[in-house]
Amino acid sequence: MSELLTRLTTIVGSDGVLASPDELLVYECDGYVVEKKQPDVVVFPTTTKQVVEIVRLCNELNVPFVPRGAGTSLAGGCLPVGGGVMISLTRMKRILEINLRDRYAVVEPGLVNAHLTQALKGTGYHYAPDPSSQGACTIGGNFATNSGGPHTLKYGVTVNHVLGVEVVMPDATVVQLGGPTEDVPGYDLTGLFVGSEGTLGICTKMIVRLTRDPAAYRTMLGVFETVDDATQAISAIIGAGIVPAALEMMDQGIVQALEEAFHFGFPLDAGAVLLIEVDGLEVAVDEEAQKIIALCTEAKAREVRQANTPKERQLLWKCRKQAFGAIGRLSPSYCTQDGVVPRTKLPGILRFIIDVAQRYQLKIVNVFHAGDGNIHPILLFDERDADQVQRVLEASDEILNRCIDLGGSVTGEHGIGVEKISFMNRLFSPADLAVMQSIRDCFNPDGRCSPGKMLPTAAGCGNEHIPRATPGKRAMA
C-alpha cells in the first residue's frame, strides 16, 4: 500500500490522491446506497497519459481498479468490489472541440452533461441525451450505462449519439474506436463499449453527435384522477402514431413532493400527471398538441395545461428533472429501480407495484419514462434500519422479476452493476452469458478492471461480489 500511494502521488501529485478513511467514506457507494465498499485509494487523473500510468501501475502491483464519474449511478456500477484503486475522472472535464459544421463535439468523460448543453446555447444545436440527473451526471457515466432521459422516446439513448471514443484498455494501451464520421468501416466496437459499465476499459475521450434544435416546442401537463387513466392516455397517444419528444408520468407521491419543493401549482389530489412534449416545425406541433389534448381528454384527463411561455416550459422540466432530489423531503433513504415493460403492460406493472408496497409495508412513489415503458419505482426507507433494507431488497426483486415475466427487462438505463447480477441468469441463457464473458475476457483478460460487475460468477466471472443474502449488514457496513 505504501508503494502504491507513493507512486500514485508521483503520477498525479499529492492533491490528486485520497487515502484517509474519512475521505474514502465519500466514495463507498454511488446512488445505490444499499451496498457499500470503500476503495483503498481514490486517484484523480487529469490526462489520458496519467490514466495509462495508473492502470500500468495497478497491473504491475496486481491491484484491481474501477473508473468512477460523478457517482450518480443507481446500480452500484462504480462500487469498488474487492477494494483497490478508484480512478475518478471528474477532473477530466474539458470540451476539447465543438464542430458545428460536422455536428459533433469532442469531450472528456468527467464533463457534466448539462455543461455541454450550456456551452451549445445559442448555436442552434444541442446534445440530445438528457438524464434526469443531467445537472450532476457526467457524459462518461452516461456512456458507461447507456443512459437515456426524458427525450429518448424520440431521440434515442446515449449509444445513438456517440460517434467515437478513446479508451485506455485494461493492459494500459490506448485505442481509438469509431470517429467523427457517421459510419466507420468494420465492427461497431464503439457500440459495444457504450453500456459496458467500465468492464472493458476506461473511456478518456468521446466524440458525440450534436442535434439541431427544433424550431418549436409544445409542452403540456395532463392531470388524471388515477394512474390507470394516465397509462391509458399513454397507450392512446402512441397508438395514434404520435411520437412525442417526451412522455413522462409522475404519481401522486412525487407530485406532492415536487409541489412542496417548487410551488408550481400541481393539483395535490391528482392520482397522476403526464408531462408531454412535442417538437418540430412550427406548422406541425400545434396539430400534434391538439390531438394529444383530445386523446388525454378521452382518457378522462381532468385537465390538460399547456406551457405558454419558455419560462413555464422550463419550470415544468425543472420539476421533472429534480423529482429525485425532492424525494429527500419524503424519506432519509430511497432506492430507485429501473425496469422496462411493454407500454401496454404499464397499468398492470403499476398495480403490481402498489400491491408490493402494501405487502412489504413500504411507501413507493413512481416517476418514469412512460413513452418507452421504462419505469422508475422509488422505494422509500431508512437505511439505518436493517429490517427496512431487507424489505426494500425483497420488494425490488419482486418488481424486477415481474418486469421479466411481462416480457421486459430489469434495466433501461441504470445498468446491471452489482445490484442486478442475480437477474442475469433469468434474462439470458448460459450460452448468452458465456459469449458475454468471452467478450470481456478479450478486452479484460485478467478481470482487474471493474471486477465483480454485470456478469454472475456462475457464468465464469470468478470475481468476488457482495452477496445479497445479508442486506442489513451490507447497508450498515
Protein backbone atom coordinates (compact mmCIF):
# COMPACT_ATOMS: atom_id res chain seq x y z
CA MET A 1 0.00 0.00 0.00
CA SER A 2 2.84 2.36 0.82
CA GLU A 3 4.47 1.81 -2.55
CA LEU A 4 1.12 2.22 -4.33
CA LEU A 5 0.43 5.57 -2.65
CA THR A 6 3.94 6.86 -3.26
CA ARG A 7 3.88 6.02 -6.94
CA LEU A 8 0.31 7.29 -7.47
CA THR A 9 1.36 10.59 -5.90
CA THR A 10 4.27 10.75 -8.31
CA ILE A 11 1.84 10.36 -11.23
CA VAL A 12 -0.89 12.86 -10.25
CA GLY A 13 0.58 14.92 -7.40
CA SER A 14 -0.32 14.95 -3.71
CA ASP A 15 -3.60 16.79 -4.33
CA GLY A 16 -4.73 14.02 -6.69
CA VAL A 17 -4.74 11.14 -4.18
CA LEU A 18 -7.13 10.38 -1.32
CA ALA A 19 -6.35 7.59 1.13
CA SER A 20 -7.54 8.55 4.63
CA PRO A 21 -10.67 6.71 5.91
CA ASP A 22 -12.75 9.86 6.36
CA GLU A 23 -12.04 10.95 2.79
CA LEU A 24 -12.72 7.48 1.35
CA LEU A 25 -16.10 7.36 3.11
CA VAL A 26 -17.48 9.67 0.41
CA TYR A 27 -16.67 7.04 -2.23
CA GLU A 28 -18.10 3.94 -0.52
CA CYS A 29 -21.18 3.87 -2.77
CA ASP A 30 -22.88 5.57 -5.68
CA GLY A 31 -26.59 6.43 -5.86
CA TYR A 32 -27.36 2.83 -4.92
CA VAL A 33 -26.83 3.26 -1.18
CA VAL A 34 -27.78 -0.28 -0.15
CA GLU A 35 -24.36 -1.77 -0.94
CA LYS A 36 -21.19 -0.10 0.28
CA LYS A 37 -17.47 -0.74 -0.04
CA GLN A 38 -14.62 1.73 0.38
CA PRO A 39 -11.77 1.76 -2.14
CA ASP A 40 -8.25 1.58 -0.77
CA VAL A 41 -7.36 4.79 -2.57
CA VAL A 42 -9.02 7.31 -4.91
CA VAL A 43 -6.90 8.94 -7.60
CA PHE A 44 -7.80 11.91 -9.80
CA PRO A 45 -6.04 11.93 -13.18
CA THR A 46 -6.33 14.93 -15.48
CA THR A 47 -4.98 13.44 -18.71
CA THR A 48 -5.11 10.21 -20.70
CA LYS A 49 -1.38 9.79 -20.07
CA GLN A 50 -1.96 9.78 -16.31
CA VAL A 51 -4.76 7.20 -16.67
CA VAL A 52 -2.37 5.00 -18.64
CA GLU A 53 0.29 5.28 -15.94
CA ILE A 54 -2.22 4.50 -13.17
CA VAL A 55 -3.51 1.40 -14.98
CA ARG A 56 0.02 0.24 -15.72
CA LEU A 57 0.90 0.60 -12.02
CA CYS A 58 -2.20 -1.34 -10.92
CA ASN A 59 -1.24 -4.15 -13.28
CA GLU A 60 2.32 -4.20 -12.01
CA LEU A 61 1.19 -4.44 -8.37
CA ASN A 62 -1.79 -6.73 -9.14
CA VAL A 63 -4.31 -4.23 -7.75
CA PRO A 64 -7.92 -4.07 -9.03
CA PHE A 65 -9.17 -0.72 -10.34
CA VAL A 66 -12.53 0.81 -11.18
CA PRO A 67 -13.42 4.05 -13.01
CA ARG A 68 -15.93 6.47 -11.49
CA GLY A 69 -17.65 9.62 -12.69
CA ALA A 70 -19.95 11.72 -10.54
CA GLY A 71 -21.30 8.72 -8.62
CA THR A 72 -24.92 9.37 -9.62
CA SER A 73 -25.29 5.83 -10.99
CA LEU A 74 -28.04 3.79 -9.34
CA ALA A 75 -26.95 0.14 -9.58
CA GLY A 76 -23.56 0.07 -7.86
CA GLY A 77 -21.74 0.32 -11.17
CA CYS A 78 -18.75 2.11 -9.64
CA LEU A 79 -18.70 0.15 -6.38
CA PRO A 80 -15.07 -0.87 -5.74
CA VAL A 81 -15.74 -4.57 -5.22
CA GLY A 82 -12.67 -6.05 -3.54
CA GLY A 83 -11.23 -2.58 -2.81
CA GLY A 84 -8.27 -1.42 -4.87
CA VAL A 85 -7.87 1.86 -6.76
CA MET A 86 -10.81 4.01 -7.75
CA ILE A 87 -9.96 6.18 -10.77
CA SER A 88 -12.13 9.27 -10.50
CA LEU A 89 -12.45 11.01 -13.87
CA THR A 90 -14.15 14.18 -12.59
CA ARG A 91 -11.11 16.37 -13.26
CA MET A 92 -11.06 15.34 -16.92
CA LYS A 93 -13.91 17.70 -17.76
CA ARG A 94 -12.89 19.76 -20.77
CA ILE A 95 -14.77 20.37 -24.00
CA LEU A 96 -11.95 19.81 -26.47
CA GLU A 97 -13.76 20.74 -29.67
CA ILE A 98 -17.16 21.84 -30.93
CA ASN A 99 -17.59 21.37 -34.68
CA LEU A 100 -20.99 22.71 -35.76
CA ARG A 101 -20.43 22.17 -39.49
CA ASP A 102 -19.86 18.45 -38.99
CA ARG A 103 -22.22 18.32 -35.98
CA TYR A 104 -20.03 16.78 -33.32
CA ALA A 105 -18.21 17.70 -30.13
CA VAL A 106 -15.15 16.12 -28.52
CA VAL A 107 -15.37 15.97 -24.73
CA GLU A 108 -13.65 14.38 -21.76
CA PRO A 109 -15.57 11.84 -19.63
CA GLY A 110 -15.80 13.99 -16.49
CA LEU A 111 -17.74 16.74 -18.25
CA VAL A 112 -21.12 17.25 -16.60
CA ASN A 113 -23.88 16.58 -19.12
CA ALA A 114 -25.58 19.95 -18.56
CA HIS A 115 -22.32 21.84 -19.09
CA LEU A 116 -22.22 20.72 -22.73
CA THR A 117 -25.83 21.87 -23.10
CA GLN A 118 -24.88 25.27 -21.68
CA ALA A 119 -21.85 25.55 -23.96
CA LEU A 120 -24.06 24.93 -27.00
CA LYS A 121 -26.72 27.53 -26.13
CA GLY A 122 -27.29 29.93 -28.97
CA THR A 123 -25.57 27.73 -31.57
CA GLY A 124 -28.77 26.09 -32.83
CA TYR A 125 -27.55 22.65 -31.70
CA HIS A 126 -27.71 20.53 -28.56
CA TYR A 127 -26.59 17.18 -27.17
CA ALA A 128 -29.80 15.15 -27.03
CA PRO A 129 -29.34 12.61 -24.17
CA ASP A 130 -30.67 14.36 -21.06
CA PRO A 131 -30.85 12.11 -17.97
CA SER A 132 -32.83 13.42 -15.04
CA SER A 133 -29.52 13.84 -13.19
CA GLN A 134 -28.28 15.99 -16.10
CA GLY A 135 -27.11 18.75 -13.77
CA ALA A 136 -24.74 16.39 -11.93
CA CYS A 137 -24.03 13.27 -14.01
CA THR A 138 -21.06 13.09 -16.38
CA ILE A 139 -21.09 12.19 -20.05
CA GLY A 140 -18.59 9.43 -19.31
CA GLY A 141 -21.02 7.97 -16.78
CA ASN A 142 -23.82 8.21 -19.35
CA PHE A 143 -21.52 6.34 -21.75
CA ALA A 144 -20.89 3.60 -19.17
CA THR A 145 -24.56 2.76 -18.60
CA ASN A 146 -26.04 3.88 -21.94
CA SER A 147 -28.20 6.41 -20.14
CA GLY A 148 -31.39 7.78 -21.58
CA GLY A 149 -33.60 10.52 -20.21
CA PRO A 150 -36.99 12.07 -20.90
CA HIS A 151 -36.30 12.81 -24.57
CA THR A 152 -35.07 9.34 -25.57
CA LEU A 153 -38.51 8.37 -26.86
CA LYS A 154 -37.86 10.43 -29.98
CA TYR A 155 -34.10 10.98 -29.99
CA GLY A 156 -32.69 7.71 -28.65
CA VAL A 157 -30.26 6.84 -25.85
CA THR A 158 -26.54 7.57 -25.44
CA VAL A 159 -25.37 4.91 -27.91
CA ASN A 160 -27.29 6.73 -30.66
CA HIS A 161 -25.22 9.86 -30.05
CA VAL A 162 -21.66 8.55 -29.57
CA LEU A 163 -19.61 8.55 -32.76
CA GLY A 164 -16.24 7.57 -31.33
CA VAL A 165 -14.28 7.07 -28.15
CA GLU A 166 -10.73 6.96 -26.83
CA VAL A 167 -10.26 4.12 -24.34
CA VAL A 168 -7.44 3.14 -22.01
CA MET A 169 -7.58 -0.63 -22.13
CA PRO A 170 -7.03 -2.81 -19.03
CA ASP A 171 -3.49 -3.57 -20.25
CA ALA A 172 -2.74 0.22 -20.33
CA THR A 173 -2.76 0.55 -24.12
CA VAL A 174 -4.79 3.35 -25.72
CA VAL A 175 -7.19 2.63 -28.58
CA GLN A 176 -9.42 4.82 -30.75
CA LEU A 177 -12.82 3.41 -31.63
CA GLY A 178 -15.11 4.98 -34.22
CA GLY A 179 -14.59 8.54 -35.34
CA PRO A 180 -16.33 11.77 -36.35
CA THR A 181 -17.87 10.27 -39.49
CA GLU A 182 -21.25 8.58 -39.46
CA ASP A 183 -20.26 5.04 -40.44
CA VAL A 184 -16.75 3.81 -39.72
CA PRO A 185 -15.97 0.52 -41.54
CA GLY A 186 -15.55 -2.64 -39.50
CA TYR A 187 -17.22 -3.95 -36.37
CA ASP A 188 -19.12 -1.47 -34.21
CA LEU A 189 -16.78 -1.56 -31.23
CA THR A 190 -17.97 1.87 -30.14
CA GLY A 191 -21.46 0.46 -29.70
CA LEU A 192 -20.01 -2.49 -27.79
CA PHE A 193 -18.24 -0.22 -25.30
CA VAL A 194 -21.29 2.00 -24.70
CA GLY A 195 -23.14 0.42 -21.80
CA SER A 196 -20.27 -1.90 -20.81
CA GLU A 197 -20.16 -0.22 -17.36
CA GLY A 198 -16.39 0.15 -17.26
CA THR A 199 -15.75 -3.59 -17.57
CA LEU A 200 -13.92 -3.38 -20.92
CA GLY A 201 -11.76 -0.31 -20.36
CA ILE A 202 -11.71 3.32 -19.24
CA CYS A 203 -13.15 5.99 -21.52
CA THR A 204 -10.93 9.09 -21.65
CA LYS A 205 -12.37 10.99 -24.62
CA MET A 206 -15.66 10.92 -26.55
CA ILE A 207 -16.87 12.21 -29.90
CA VAL A 208 -20.59 12.92 -29.53
CA ARG A 209 -23.20 13.78 -32.12
CA LEU A 210 -24.87 17.20 -31.98
CA THR A 211 -28.55 17.53 -32.89
CA ARG A 212 -30.18 20.58 -34.43
CA ASP A 213 -32.57 22.41 -32.11
CA PRO A 214 -36.24 22.00 -33.03
CA ALA A 215 -37.96 25.04 -34.46
CA ALA A 216 -40.81 24.87 -31.95
CA TYR A 217 -42.00 23.11 -28.80
CA ARG A 218 -45.37 22.46 -27.24
CA THR A 219 -45.23 21.27 -23.63
CA MET A 220 -48.33 20.03 -21.81
CA LEU A 221 -49.26 18.74 -18.38
CA GLY A 222 -52.15 16.27 -18.28
CA VAL A 223 -53.85 15.82 -14.90
CA PHE A 224 -55.57 12.49 -14.18
CA GLU A 225 -57.64 11.11 -11.33
CA THR A 226 -55.91 7.72 -11.44
CA VAL A 227 -52.69 6.11 -12.63
CA ASP A 228 -54.77 3.76 -14.79
CA ASP A 229 -56.32 6.68 -16.67
CA ALA A 230 -52.87 8.21 -17.25
CA THR A 231 -51.47 4.95 -18.64
CA GLN A 232 -54.47 4.59 -20.95
CA ALA A 233 -53.68 8.06 -22.32
CA ILE A 234 -50.08 6.98 -22.93
CA SER A 235 -51.22 3.98 -24.95
CA ALA A 236 -53.68 6.12 -26.91
CA ILE A 237 -51.03 8.70 -27.84
CA ILE A 238 -48.51 6.13 -29.06
CA GLY A 239 -51.27 4.10 -30.73
CA ALA A 240 -52.32 7.17 -32.71
CA GLY A 241 -48.89 7.25 -34.36
CA ILE A 242 -47.69 10.31 -32.47
CA VAL A 243 -44.08 10.16 -31.25
CA PRO A 244 -43.69 12.89 -28.61
CA ALA A 245 -40.24 14.20 -27.84
CA ALA A 246 -41.01 13.23 -24.23
CA LEU A 247 -43.80 11.46 -22.38
CA GLU A 248 -43.25 11.30 -18.62
CA MET A 249 -45.53 10.19 -15.79
CA MET A 250 -45.43 11.17 -12.11
CA ASP A 251 -47.75 9.72 -9.49
CA GLN A 252 -49.35 11.46 -6.52
CA GLY A 253 -46.44 10.87 -4.14
CA ILE A 254 -43.95 12.55 -6.46
CA VAL A 255 -46.35 15.37 -7.27
CA GLN A 256 -46.78 16.19 -3.59
CA ALA A 257 -43.00 16.28 -3.02
CA LEU A 258 -42.47 18.49 -6.08
CA GLU A 259 -45.23 20.89 -5.11
CA GLU A 260 -43.73 21.30 -1.65
CA ALA A 261 -40.33 21.98 -3.22
CA PHE A 262 -41.23 24.22 -6.18
CA HIS A 263 -44.80 25.51 -5.67
CA PHE A 264 -45.64 25.07 -9.32
CA GLY A 265 -49.37 24.67 -8.71
CA PHE A 266 -49.64 20.89 -9.17
CA PRO A 267 -53.02 19.51 -8.07
CA LEU A 268 -52.24 17.57 -4.90
CA ASP A 269 -55.32 15.36 -5.18
CA ALA A 270 -54.47 14.09 -8.69
CA GLY A 271 -53.62 10.40 -8.96
CA ALA A 272 -51.04 11.05 -11.68
CA VAL A 273 -49.81 13.69 -14.12
CA LEU A 274 -48.30 13.32 -17.57
CA LEU A 275 -45.62 15.69 -18.83
CA ILE A 276 -45.85 15.60 -22.63
CA GLU A 277 -43.73 17.48 -25.15
CA VAL A 278 -43.83 17.56 -28.92
CA ASP A 279 -41.30 19.39 -31.04
CA GLY A 280 -40.55 20.03 -34.68
CA LEU A 281 -41.68 22.51 -37.31
CA GLU A 282 -43.97 25.30 -36.15
CA VAL A 283 -46.67 24.27 -38.62
CA ALA A 284 -46.82 20.73 -37.25
CA VAL A 285 -46.55 20.99 -33.47
CA ASP A 286 -49.88 22.73 -32.90
CA GLU A 287 -51.78 19.97 -34.70
CA GLU A 288 -49.96 17.26 -32.70
CA ALA A 289 -50.58 19.10 -29.45
CA GLN A 290 -54.30 19.38 -30.17
CA LYS A 291 -54.51 15.66 -30.96
CA ILE A 292 -52.75 14.84 -27.68
CA ILE A 293 -55.10 17.08 -25.70
CA ALA A 294 -58.07 15.34 -27.32
CA LEU A 295 -56.67 11.88 -26.56
CA CYS A 296 -55.97 12.81 -22.93
CA THR A 297 -59.50 14.17 -22.59
CA GLU A 298 -60.91 10.91 -23.97
CA ALA A 299 -58.81 9.07 -21.37
CA LYS A 300 -60.60 11.03 -18.61
CA ALA A 301 -58.00 13.72 -18.02
CA ARG A 302 -59.32 16.25 -15.55
CA GLU A 303 -57.46 19.00 -17.42
CA VAL A 304 -54.56 19.49 -19.81
CA ARG A 305 -52.45 22.57 -19.23
CA GLN A 306 -50.13 23.96 -21.88
CA ALA A 307 -46.95 25.93 -21.16
CA ASN A 308 -47.49 29.30 -22.79
CA THR A 309 -44.02 30.75 -22.33
CA PRO A 310 -40.43 29.42 -22.37
CA LYS A 311 -40.30 30.19 -18.63
CA GLU A 312 -43.33 27.97 -17.94
CA ARG A 313 -41.82 25.17 -20.03
CA GLN A 314 -38.51 25.50 -18.21
CA LEU A 315 -40.26 25.29 -14.83
CA LEU A 316 -42.14 22.15 -15.84
CA TRP A 317 -38.91 20.46 -16.86
CA LYS A 318 -37.17 21.68 -13.73
CA CYS A 319 -39.84 19.94 -11.67
CA ARG A 320 -39.45 16.69 -13.61
CA LYS A 321 -35.66 16.63 -13.58
CA GLN A 322 -35.41 17.47 -9.91
CA ALA A 323 -38.02 14.92 -8.87
CA PHE A 324 -35.41 12.64 -7.32
CA GLY A 325 -33.96 15.49 -5.30
CA ALA A 326 -37.41 16.28 -3.95
CA ILE A 327 -37.64 12.72 -2.57
CA GLY A 328 -35.37 13.83 0.26
CA ARG A 329 -38.44 15.56 1.71
CA LEU A 330 -40.21 12.21 1.98
CA SER A 331 -37.57 9.82 3.29
CA PRO A 332 -33.97 9.69 4.59
CA SER A 333 -33.07 6.99 2.02
CA TYR A 334 -34.50 5.70 -1.22
CA CYS A 335 -33.79 3.01 -3.79
CA THR A 336 -34.69 3.71 -7.41
CA GLN A 337 -35.46 0.75 -9.62
CA ASP A 338 -35.19 0.71 -13.40
CA GLY A 339 -37.39 -1.89 -15.04
CA VAL A 340 -38.79 -1.95 -18.56
CA VAL A 341 -42.10 -3.39 -19.74
CA PRO A 342 -44.05 -3.16 -23.00
CA ARG A 343 -46.12 0.04 -22.92
CA THR A 344 -49.36 -1.95 -22.93
CA LYS A 345 -48.26 -3.59 -19.66
CA LEU A 346 -47.81 -0.32 -17.76
CA PRO A 347 -51.20 -0.43 -15.97
CA GLY A 348 -50.50 -3.98 -14.81
CA ILE A 349 -46.99 -3.33 -13.50
CA LEU A 350 -48.11 -0.20 -11.67
CA ARG A 351 -50.95 -2.10 -9.98
CA PHE A 352 -48.39 -4.76 -9.03
CA ILE A 353 -46.10 -2.10 -7.53
CA ILE A 354 -48.99 -0.84 -5.38
CA ASP A 355 -49.62 -4.40 -4.18
CA VAL A 356 -45.91 -4.89 -3.39
CA ALA A 357 -45.86 -1.66 -1.36
CA GLN A 358 -48.79 -2.86 0.71
CA ARG A 359 -47.40 -6.34 1.31
CA TYR A 360 -43.95 -5.11 2.33
CA GLN A 361 -45.29 -2.11 4.26
CA LEU A 362 -43.25 0.32 2.20
CA LYS A 363 -44.04 3.61 0.53
CA ILE A 364 -43.27 3.50 -3.19
CA VAL A 365 -43.62 6.51 -5.48
CA ASN A 366 -43.28 6.49 -9.26
CA VAL A 367 -41.77 8.76 -11.88
CA PHE A 368 -40.75 7.30 -15.20
CA HIS A 369 -40.29 7.47 -18.96
CA ALA A 370 -43.79 6.30 -19.79
CA GLY A 371 -43.42 6.60 -23.53
CA ASP A 372 -40.95 3.71 -23.75
CA GLY A 373 -42.16 1.68 -20.78
CA ASN A 374 -39.11 2.46 -18.63
CA ILE A 375 -40.41 2.50 -15.03
CA HIS A 376 -38.64 4.03 -12.04
CA PRO A 377 -40.41 2.95 -8.84
CA ILE A 378 -38.74 4.68 -5.90
CA LEU A 379 -38.79 2.68 -2.66
CA LEU A 380 -38.57 4.90 0.42
CA PHE A 381 -36.83 3.64 3.57
CA ASP A 382 -34.29 4.35 6.29
CA GLU A 383 -31.01 2.58 5.60
CA ARG A 384 -30.18 2.63 9.32
CA ASP A 385 -32.96 0.06 9.86
CA ALA A 386 -31.77 -3.40 8.70
CA ASP A 387 -35.34 -4.72 8.54
CA GLN A 388 -36.38 -1.93 6.17
CA VAL A 389 -33.35 -2.60 3.98
CA GLN A 390 -34.28 -6.29 3.79
CA ARG A 391 -37.87 -5.44 2.80
CA VAL A 392 -36.68 -2.99 0.15
CA LEU A 393 -34.43 -5.63 -1.44
CA GLU A 394 -37.16 -8.27 -1.44
CA ALA A 395 -39.74 -5.84 -2.82
CA SER A 396 -37.30 -4.70 -5.53
CA ASP A 397 -36.68 -8.29 -6.54
CA GLU A 398 -40.41 -8.93 -6.90
CA ILE A 399 -40.91 -5.85 -9.06
CA LEU A 400 -37.99 -6.66 -11.36
CA ASN A 401 -38.99 -10.31 -11.67
CA ARG A 402 -42.48 -9.20 -12.69
CA CYS A 403 -40.93 -6.96 -15.37
CA ILE A 404 -39.20 -10.03 -16.82
CA ASP A 405 -42.45 -12.04 -16.61
CA LEU A 406 -44.21 -9.32 -18.61
CA GLY A 407 -41.65 -9.56 -21.41
CA GLY A 408 -39.45 -6.72 -20.25
CA SER A 409 -36.04 -6.21 -18.68
CA VAL A 410 -34.53 -5.26 -15.32
CA THR A 411 -32.79 -2.15 -16.64
CA GLY A 412 -33.45 0.53 -19.20
CA GLU A 413 -30.64 2.95 -18.41
CA HIS A 414 -29.18 2.36 -14.94
CA GLY A 415 -27.22 -0.76 -15.85
CA ILE A 416 -26.63 -4.02 -14.01
CA GLY A 417 -23.72 -3.02 -11.76
CA VAL A 418 -23.68 -5.19 -8.65
CA GLU A 419 -27.35 -4.69 -7.82
CA LYS A 420 -28.85 -6.83 -10.58
CA ILE A 421 -26.27 -9.54 -11.25
CA SER A 422 -28.66 -12.16 -9.85
CA PHE A 423 -31.18 -11.39 -12.61
CA MET A 424 -28.78 -12.06 -15.48
CA ASN A 425 -29.43 -15.81 -15.33
CA ARG A 426 -33.14 -15.12 -15.81
CA LEU A 427 -32.63 -12.72 -18.68
CA PHE A 428 -30.04 -14.74 -20.59
CA SER A 429 -29.24 -18.35 -21.34
CA PRO A 430 -25.93 -19.93 -20.23
CA ALA A 431 -24.76 -19.66 -23.85
CA ASP A 432 -25.57 -15.93 -23.93
CA LEU A 433 -23.67 -15.32 -20.70
CA ALA A 434 -20.72 -17.37 -21.92
CA VAL A 435 -20.48 -15.21 -25.04
CA MET A 436 -20.58 -12.04 -22.92
CA GLN A 437 -17.86 -13.42 -20.68
CA SER A 438 -15.68 -14.34 -23.65
CA ILE A 439 -16.04 -10.78 -24.98
CA ARG A 440 -15.00 -9.36 -21.64
CA ASP A 441 -12.07 -11.76 -21.49
CA CYS A 442 -10.87 -10.47 -24.88
CA PHE A 443 -10.57 -6.91 -23.58
CA ASN A 444 -10.08 -7.52 -19.85
CA PRO A 445 -8.44 -10.98 -19.58
CA ASP A 446 -7.16 -10.58 -16.01
CA GLY A 447 -10.51 -9.26 -14.73
CA ARG A 448 -8.65 -6.49 -12.93
CA CYS A 449 -10.76 -3.69 -14.43
CA SER A 450 -14.12 -3.31 -12.62
CA PRO A 451 -14.21 -6.82 -11.13
CA GLY A 452 -17.47 -8.32 -9.93
CA LYS A 453 -19.75 -6.23 -12.18
CA MET A 454 -22.54 -7.08 -14.57
CA LEU A 455 -21.97 -10.83 -15.10
CA PRO A 456 -22.83 -13.50 -12.49
CA THR A 457 -19.96 -15.52 -11.06
CA ALA A 458 -21.75 -18.72 -12.11
CA ALA A 459 -21.03 -17.72 -15.70
CA GLY A 460 -17.32 -17.94 -15.03
CA CYS A 461 -16.56 -14.39 -13.93
CA GLY A 462 -14.65 -15.66 -10.93
CA ASN A 463 -14.81 -12.24 -9.25
CA GLU A 464 -15.99 -11.56 -5.74
CA HIS A 465 -19.18 -9.56 -5.38
CA ILE A 466 -21.11 -8.64 -2.29
CA PRO A 467 -23.84 -11.24 -1.65
CA ARG A 468 -27.47 -10.17 -1.45
CA ALA A 469 -28.14 -12.53 1.47
CA THR A 470 -27.07 -10.11 4.21
CA PRO A 471 -28.52 -6.73 3.19
CA GLY A 472 -28.73 -5.38 6.71
CA LYS A 473 -25.05 -5.95 7.42
CA ARG A 474 -24.15 -4.68 3.98
CA ALA A 475 -26.07 -1.45 4.38
CA MET A 476 -24.62 -0.77 7.81
CA ALA A 477 -21.03 -1.54 6.84
